[in-house]
Amino acid sequence: MLVTVAILCSLARLLVLKSFGQTVSNRTLDEPTARLWERRYATSSILMSIATGAIGARCFLGSDILVHMFAAGLMCGCGAGVVTRLSASPRLAIVSLCCICIPSTVAAFLNPDIVHFGLAILFFSFLVGSLEAIKYLFNTTVDQLILKQKFSRLAHRDPLTNLFNRLMLSDNIEIALRNLQAE
């Protein structure tokens, strides 16, 4: 049952991504439309994370060690994907990561032996380290965007007078010509 739910979540997520790609290829998005697509993507990401966390927890509630290894690999792989893919949206990344890690960690704690207790501690450490990685990647992304903006400003303005330079003029002429041709 959980696998079916996970497959449906994956298909829904792929559908959202494909639809978004088709929408963006046809036009630029205004802010309300962009926010709508962001909500759709966030919803599909969280649903997928919940399904993954539920599968991981269910695997740890059984007694087969190979299934436990599968669950650990699934959790770590999905968690790493969340960190790298969603770090530009830290709230979404944190919620998704918690939905993946916490159920498996709790289920591993529920096993009475020392190996599973150690595994639960490892999962918790993975969660804390991943949260730090999200923070670092988000801050790095913001710094890079600010730096890009500063370089763009330097490229289009004279540093001494702060007046527009030839590059800005040529960019604006190209935009104006394209707008005239479109009309």
Protein backbone atom coordinates (compact mmCIF):
# COMPACT_ATOMS: atom_id res chain seq x y z
CA MET A 1 0.00 0.00 0.00
CA LEU A 2 2.75 2.49 0.95
CA VAL A 3 4.68 1.71 -2.22
CA THR A 4 1.57 2.44 -4.28
CA VAL A 5 1.14 5.78 -2.52
CA ALA A 6 4.83 6.60 -3.13
CA ILE A 7 4.50 5.74 -6.83
CA LEU A 8 1.39 7.93 -7.12
CA CYS A 9 3.23 10.78 -5.36
CA SER A 10 6.17 10.37 -7.74
CA LEU A 11 3.89 10.43 -10.76
CA ALA A 12 2.07 13.51 -9.46
CA ARG A 13 5.41 15.22 -8.88
CA LEU A 14 6.62 14.38 -12.37
CA LEU A 15 3.36 15.72 -13.78
CA VAL A 16 3.81 18.99 -11.88
CA LEU A 17 7.39 19.33 -13.18
CA LYS A 18 6.40 18.55 -16.78
CA SER A 19 3.44 20.96 -16.69
CA PHE A 20 5.65 23.67 -15.21
CA GLY A 21 8.25 23.15 -17.95
CA GLN A 22 5.59 23.50 -20.64
CA THR A 23 4.15 26.62 -19.00
CA VAL A 24 7.53 28.32 -18.66
CA SER A 25 8.56 27.50 -22.23
CA ASN A 26 5.53 29.41 -23.57
CA ARG A 27 5.74 32.58 -21.48
CA THR A 28 7.31 34.30 -18.51
CA LEU A 29 5.44 33.92 -15.25
CA ASP A 30 3.86 36.72 -13.29
CA GLU A 31 4.23 36.60 -9.51
CA PRO A 32 0.84 35.00 -8.63
CA THR A 33 1.36 32.26 -11.21
CA ALA A 34 4.91 31.64 -10.00
CA ARG A 35 3.65 31.35 -6.41
CA LEU A 36 0.96 28.87 -7.54
CA TRP A 37 3.59 26.68 -9.21
CA GLU A 38 5.80 26.98 -6.13
CA ARG A 39 2.91 25.74 -3.93
CA ARG A 40 2.25 22.83 -6.30
CA TYR A 41 5.91 21.85 -6.24
CA ALA A 42 6.10 22.19 -2.45
CA THR A 43 2.98 20.07 -1.98
CA SER A 44 4.27 17.31 -4.25
CA SER A 45 7.69 17.39 -2.51
CA ILE A 46 6.17 17.13 0.96
CA LEU A 47 3.80 14.33 -0.07
CA MET A 48 6.73 12.42 -1.57
CA SER A 49 8.75 12.97 1.62
CA ILE A 50 5.88 11.74 3.81
CA ALA A 51 5.54 8.61 1.67
CA THR A 52 9.29 7.99 1.81
CA GLY A 53 9.36 8.48 5.58
CA ALA A 54 6.40 6.12 6.03
CA ILE A 55 8.09 3.44 3.90
CA GLY A 56 11.30 3.84 5.93
CA ALA A 57 9.45 3.59 9.23
CA ARG A 58 7.47 0.55 8.07
CA CYS A 59 10.69 -1.16 6.99
CA PHE A 60 12.25 -0.67 10.45
CA LEU A 61 9.20 -2.10 12.18
CA GLY A 62 9.92 -5.47 10.53
CA SER A 63 12.71 -7.88 11.49
CA ASP A 64 14.54 -8.44 8.20
CA ILE A 65 17.98 -6.77 8.30
CA LEU A 66 18.12 -6.47 4.49
CA VAL A 67 14.91 -4.47 4.57
CA HIS A 68 16.47 -2.28 7.27
CA MET A 69 19.48 -1.69 5.00
CA PHE A 70 17.11 -0.75 2.19
CA ALA A 71 15.32 1.71 4.47
CA ALA A 72 18.60 3.30 5.57
CA GLY A 73 19.73 3.71 1.97
CA LEU A 74 16.35 5.08 0.93
CA MET A 75 16.31 7.60 3.74
CA CYS A 76 19.88 8.78 3.19
CA GLY A 77 19.50 8.97 -0.58
CA CYS A 78 16.21 10.86 -0.47
CA GLY A 79 17.48 13.10 2.31
CA ALA A 80 20.59 14.01 0.33
CA GLY A 81 18.42 14.77 -2.68
CA VAL A 82 16.21 17.05 -0.60
CA VAL A 83 19.23 18.94 0.74
CA THR A 84 20.73 19.55 -2.71
CA ARG A 85 17.47 20.18 -4.56
CA LEU A 86 15.53 22.26 -2.06
CA SER A 87 18.17 24.25 -0.16
CA ALA A 88 17.16 27.42 -2.02
CA SER A 89 13.83 27.09 -0.22
CA PRO A 90 14.93 26.29 3.34
CA ARG A 91 11.49 25.92 4.94
CA LEU A 92 10.42 23.39 2.33
CA ALA A 93 13.75 21.57 2.64
CA ILE A 94 13.49 21.35 6.44
CA VAL A 95 9.89 20.11 6.40
CA SER A 96 10.66 17.54 3.69
CA LEU A 97 13.80 16.35 5.44
CA CYS A 98 11.97 15.96 8.76
CA CYS A 99 9.17 14.01 7.04
CA ILE A 100 11.79 11.60 5.68
CA CYS A 101 14.09 11.27 8.71
CA ILE A 102 11.93 11.44 11.82
CA PRO A 103 9.67 8.41 11.13
CA SER A 104 12.65 6.17 10.31
CA THR A 105 14.60 7.44 13.32
CA VAL A 106 11.69 6.78 15.69
CA ALA A 107 11.08 3.33 14.18
CA ALA A 108 14.79 2.47 14.55
CA PHE A 109 14.65 3.59 18.21
CA LEU A 110 11.70 1.24 18.77
CA ASN A 111 13.87 -1.79 17.96
CA PRO A 112 15.27 -3.09 21.26
CA ASP A 113 18.88 -3.84 20.23
CA ILE A 114 22.00 -1.69 20.34
CA VAL A 115 22.55 -1.81 16.57
CA HIS A 116 19.23 -0.13 15.85
CA PHE A 117 19.79 2.33 18.67
CA GLY A 118 23.12 3.27 17.05
CA LEU A 119 21.42 3.50 13.67
CA ALA A 120 18.80 5.84 15.13
CA ILE A 121 21.57 8.04 16.55
CA LEU A 122 23.24 8.02 13.13
CA PHE A 123 19.95 9.04 11.47
CA PHE A 124 19.52 11.86 13.97
CA SER A 125 23.09 13.01 13.26
CA PHE A 126 22.32 12.87 9.54
CA LEU A 127 19.28 15.06 10.11
CA VAL A 128 21.24 17.65 12.13
CA GLY A 129 24.08 17.68 9.59
CA SER A 130 21.61 18.03 6.74
CA LEU A 131 19.96 20.99 8.44
CA GLU A 132 23.38 22.64 8.70
CA ALA A 133 24.00 21.89 5.01
CA ILE A 134 20.67 23.51 4.07
CA LYS A 135 21.62 26.63 6.03
CA TYR A 136 25.06 26.78 4.40
CA LEU A 137 23.76 26.17 0.86
CA PHE A 138 20.99 28.75 1.26
CA ASN A 139 23.41 31.40 2.55
CA THR A 140 25.87 30.59 -0.24
CA THR A 141 23.12 30.89 -2.85
CA VAL A 142 21.97 34.24 -1.46
CA ASP A 143 25.59 35.50 -1.40
CA GLN A 144 26.08 34.41 -5.01
CA LEU A 145 22.90 36.18 -6.14
CA ILE A 146 23.92 39.38 -4.35
CA LEU A 147 27.38 39.18 -5.90
CA LYS A 148 25.87 38.63 -9.35
CA GLN A 149 23.65 41.67 -8.85
CA LYS A 150 26.64 43.79 -7.80
CA PHE A 151 28.68 42.67 -10.81
CA SER A 152 25.77 43.43 -13.11
CA ARG A 153 25.53 46.92 -11.64
CA LEU A 154 29.27 47.44 -12.06
CA ALA A 155 29.06 46.25 -15.66
CA HIS A 156 26.28 48.69 -16.55
CA ARG A 157 27.35 51.82 -14.65
CA ASP A 158 30.44 53.94 -14.52
CA PRO A 159 31.99 53.44 -11.06
CA LEU A 160 33.12 57.07 -10.75
CA THR A 161 29.97 58.91 -11.88
CA ASN A 162 27.37 56.14 -11.40
CA LEU A 163 25.99 57.00 -14.85
CA PHE A 164 24.91 54.34 -17.32
CA ASN A 165 27.63 53.17 -19.72
CA ARG A 166 27.66 51.86 -23.31
CA LEU A 167 26.81 48.28 -22.27
CA MET A 168 23.61 49.47 -20.61
CA LEU A 169 22.78 51.55 -23.68
CA SER A 170 23.29 48.61 -26.04
CA ASP A 171 21.23 46.30 -23.78
CA ASN A 172 18.37 48.81 -23.63
CA ILE A 173 18.47 49.39 -27.38
CA GLU A 174 18.21 45.63 -28.01
CA ILE A 175 15.25 45.35 -25.62
CA ALA A 176 13.52 48.36 -27.17
CA LEU A 177 14.02 46.96 -30.68
CA ARG A 178 12.59 43.58 -29.65
CA ASN A 179 9.58 45.29 -28.06
CA LEU A 180 8.99 47.32 -31.23
CA GLN A 181 9.21 44.19 -33.39
CA ALA A 182 6.78 42.37 -31.11
CA GLU A 183 4.20 45.14 -31.46
